Protein backbone atom coordinates (compact mmCIF):
# COMPACT_ATOMS: atom_id res chain seq x y z
CA ILE A 1 -25.40 56.79 67.80
CA ALA A 2 -27.38 55.74 70.89
CA ARG A 3 -30.59 56.61 69.07
CA ARG A 4 -29.58 54.53 66.08
CA GLU A 5 -28.69 51.58 68.32
CA ALA A 6 -32.04 51.81 70.10
CA ALA A 7 -33.82 51.96 66.75
CA MET A 8 -32.00 48.95 65.38
CA GLU A 9 -32.79 46.87 68.43
CA ALA A 10 -36.42 48.00 68.63
CA TRP A 11 -37.47 47.35 65.04
CA PRO A 12 -37.91 43.55 65.25
CA ARG A 13 -40.26 43.95 68.24
CA LEU A 14 -42.15 46.80 66.62
CA LEU A 15 -42.54 44.86 63.39
CA GLU A 16 -43.76 41.77 65.23
CA GLU A 17 -46.36 43.88 66.98
CA MET A 18 -47.37 45.41 63.65
CA ARG A 19 -47.65 41.94 62.14
CA LEU A 20 -49.98 40.86 64.93
CA LEU A 21 -52.09 44.00 64.57
CA THR A 22 -52.50 43.60 60.80
CA SER A 23 -52.97 39.84 60.64
CA SER A 24 -54.79 38.92 63.86
CA LEU A 25 -56.68 42.12 64.63
CA GLY A 26 -57.34 43.21 61.05
CA ARG A 27 -55.85 46.69 61.33
CA SER A 28 -54.74 48.47 58.19
CA VAL A 29 -51.02 49.06 57.75
CA PRO A 30 -51.32 52.80 58.57
CA GLN A 31 -53.44 52.09 61.68
CA ALA A 32 -50.98 49.48 62.91
CA PHE A 33 -48.09 51.82 62.13
CA VAL A 34 -49.60 54.61 64.25
CA GLU A 35 -50.45 52.27 67.15
CA VAL A 36 -46.99 50.71 67.19
CA GLY A 37 -45.38 54.16 67.07
CA ARG A 38 -47.19 55.17 70.24
CA ARG A 39 -45.53 52.28 72.09
CA ALA A 40 -42.11 52.67 70.49
CA PRO A 41 -39.05 53.32 72.65
CA GLU A 42 -38.76 56.89 73.88
CA GLU A 43 -35.90 57.67 71.48
CA LEU A 44 -38.10 56.85 68.47
CA ARG A 45 -41.36 58.44 69.58
CA PRO A 46 -40.70 61.96 68.24
CA ALA A 47 -40.26 60.56 64.73
CA PHE A 48 -43.38 58.43 65.06
CA ARG A 49 -45.35 61.39 66.43
CA ALA A 50 -44.33 63.52 63.46
CA ALA A 51 -45.34 60.71 61.10
CA GLU A 52 -48.66 60.28 62.91
CA ARG A 53 -49.31 64.02 62.60
CA GLU A 54 -48.69 63.78 58.87
CA TRP A 55 -51.06 60.81 58.63
CA LEU A 56 -53.80 62.64 60.52
CA LEU A 57 -53.43 65.72 58.32
CA SER A 58 -53.09 64.08 54.93
CA THR A 59 -54.03 60.36 55.20
CA ASP A 60 -51.28 59.89 52.63
CA PHE A 61 -49.21 56.93 53.77
CA ALA A 62 -46.38 57.72 51.32
CA ARG A 63 -45.94 61.16 52.90
CA THR A 64 -46.26 59.61 56.36
CA THR A 65 -43.44 57.14 55.72
CA ALA A 66 -41.36 59.90 54.13
CA VAL A 67 -41.68 61.93 57.34
CA LEU A 68 -40.59 58.94 59.42
CA LYS A 69 -37.59 58.31 57.16
CA ALA A 70 -36.57 61.97 57.27
CA GLN A 71 -36.94 62.19 61.06
CA MET A 72 -34.99 59.00 61.79
CA ALA A 73 -32.36 59.24 59.04
CA ASP A 74 -31.64 55.58 59.62
CA PRO A 75 -31.20 52.79 57.04
CA THR A 76 -33.36 50.40 59.06
CA ALA A 77 -36.19 52.92 59.21
CA ASP A 78 -35.81 53.45 55.47
CA ALA A 79 -36.14 49.72 54.75
CA VAL A 80 -39.09 49.31 57.10
CA ALA A 81 -40.91 52.37 55.76
CA GLU A 82 -40.46 51.31 52.14
CA THR A 83 -41.61 47.75 52.87
CA LEU A 84 -44.69 49.01 54.72
CA LEU A 85 -45.48 51.49 51.97
CA ILE A 86 -45.31 48.82 49.27
CA ALA A 87 -47.33 46.41 51.40
CA HIS A 88 -49.97 49.10 51.91
CA GLU A 89 -50.12 50.06 48.23
CA VAL A 90 -50.08 46.52 46.86
CA GLY A 91 -52.24 44.99 49.57
CA GLY A 92 -53.00 41.31 49.28
CA THR A 93 -52.77 38.34 51.56
CA ASP A 94 -49.00 38.07 51.73
CA LEU A 95 -48.53 41.03 54.11
CA ASP A 96 -47.95 38.64 56.99
CA ARG A 97 -45.22 36.83 55.04
CA ARG A 98 -43.54 40.11 54.03
CA LEU A 99 -43.51 41.38 57.59
CA GLU A 100 -42.20 38.05 58.84
CA ALA A 101 -39.32 38.21 56.32
CA LEU A 102 -38.56 41.79 57.35
CA ILE A 103 -38.59 40.81 61.04
CA GLU A 104 -36.15 37.97 60.33
CA ASP A 105 -33.86 40.28 58.37
CA ARG A 106 -33.81 42.96 61.08
CA THR A 107 -33.29 40.34 63.82
CA GLN A 108 -30.32 38.85 61.99
CA ASP A 109 -28.82 42.30 61.45
CA VAL A 110 -29.15 43.22 65.13
CA GLN A 111 -27.72 39.88 66.26
CA GLY A 112 -24.84 40.10 63.78
CA ARG A 113 -23.86 43.54 65.03
CA LYS A 114 -24.04 42.41 68.66
CA ASP A 115 -21.83 39.42 67.86
CA ALA A 116 -19.32 41.63 66.07
CA ARG A 117 -19.16 44.04 69.03
CA ALA A 118 -18.65 41.13 71.43
CA LYS A 119 -15.84 39.72 69.32
CA GLN A 120 -14.18 43.13 69.22
CA ALA A 121 -14.19 43.54 73.00
CA GLY A 122 -10.74 41.93 73.38
CA ALA A 123 -9.29 43.98 70.55
CA ARG A 124 -10.70 47.17 72.05
CA PHE A 125 -9.05 46.32 75.38
CA ALA A 126 -5.74 45.65 73.61
CA ARG A 127 -6.05 48.97 71.78
CA ARG A 128 -6.34 50.79 75.11
CA PHE A 129 -3.54 48.75 76.61
CA VAL A 130 -1.25 49.90 73.79
CA LEU A 131 -1.35 53.41 75.24
CA VAL A 132 -0.17 52.22 78.62
CA VAL A 133 2.82 50.18 77.41
CA PRO A 134 4.86 53.04 75.85
CA ALA A 135 4.21 55.26 78.88
CA GLY A 136 5.35 52.46 81.21
CA MET A 137 8.45 51.83 79.14
CA ALA A 138 9.32 55.53 79.16
CA MET A 139 8.98 55.66 82.94
CA ALA A 140 11.12 52.57 83.32
CA GLY A 141 13.74 54.03 80.98
CA MET A 142 13.90 57.23 82.98
CA SER A 143 14.43 55.37 86.23
CA VAL A 144 17.25 53.09 85.04
CA GLY A 145 20.78 54.38 85.06
CA THR A 146 21.35 57.12 82.51
CA GLY A 147 17.91 56.79 80.92
CA ARG A 148 16.82 60.26 81.98
CA ALA A 149 19.89 61.77 80.32
CA ALA A 150 19.03 60.04 77.01
CA TYR A 151 15.64 61.79 76.99
CA GLN A 152 17.30 65.17 77.54
CA THR A 153 19.36 65.03 74.33
CA SER A 154 17.91 66.43 71.13
CA ALA A 155 18.12 63.01 69.43
CA GLY A 156 16.28 61.42 72.36
CA GLN A 157 13.54 64.03 72.20
CA VAL A 158 13.14 63.55 68.44
CA LEU A 159 12.83 59.79 68.96
CA VAL A 160 10.26 60.28 71.73
CA ALA A 161 8.24 62.62 69.50
CA ALA A 162 8.43 60.10 66.63
CA ALA A 163 7.37 57.29 68.94
CA LEU A 164 4.42 59.31 70.23
CA GLY A 165 3.45 60.10 66.64
CA LEU A 166 3.56 56.40 65.75
CA VAL A 167 1.40 55.53 68.76
CA VAL A 168 -1.20 58.11 67.70
CA VAL A 169 -1.17 56.89 64.09
CA CYS A 170 -1.56 53.27 65.19
CA TRP A 171 -4.35 54.22 67.59
CA LEU A 172 -6.29 55.99 64.86
CA TRP A 173 -5.64 53.23 62.34
CA ALA A 174 -6.81 50.53 64.76
CA GLY A 175 -9.96 52.51 65.51
CA ARG A 176 -10.74 52.80 61.83
CA ILE A 177 -10.18 49.10 61.21
CA MET A 178 -12.41 48.10 64.13
CA ALA A 179 -15.34 50.36 63.23
CA LEU A 180 -18.42 48.40 62.23
CA PRO A 181 -19.62 49.47 58.81
CA GLU A 182 -22.75 51.59 58.72
CA GLU A 183 -25.62 50.22 56.73
CA PRO A 184 -26.06 52.49 53.68
CA ARG A 185 -29.28 54.46 53.36
């Protein structure tokens, strides 16, 4: 998951660098791809190195992007690789515009996910707090009057087990609801 997060956050910068290399410096898409991969974040470099090896051996950009996609197994890498492959095969003067649109799309995706995580911070705290409340109430119940005796009866123990089961079910359910959806590959 950390690798996927690093990849998602790195792609807009990598694409911007690739855009500059192809438009301003006149590099081909494969050349820019290889150069950008050498300066990618450490988590992404093994995938880029494998793709670069494939490029050096075959000079087949389709195979090169397929290696990158297989190594990263990430929907963002899939979208970027396919866009670069089409841009390389079709060529033309609109490469800069295509890369700019891809950069905008990836930037919006990264920002949207960051915003969603920030908005969930309070809910995540409340989810953890829910574990503390039943334990505190049980302790309070044991310390008041005949509370400890109630927990020693079979009915009390069944109710405690049921309550613990409900807490676990609610915890799992809340975690499932709060999970950010994964982008499909």
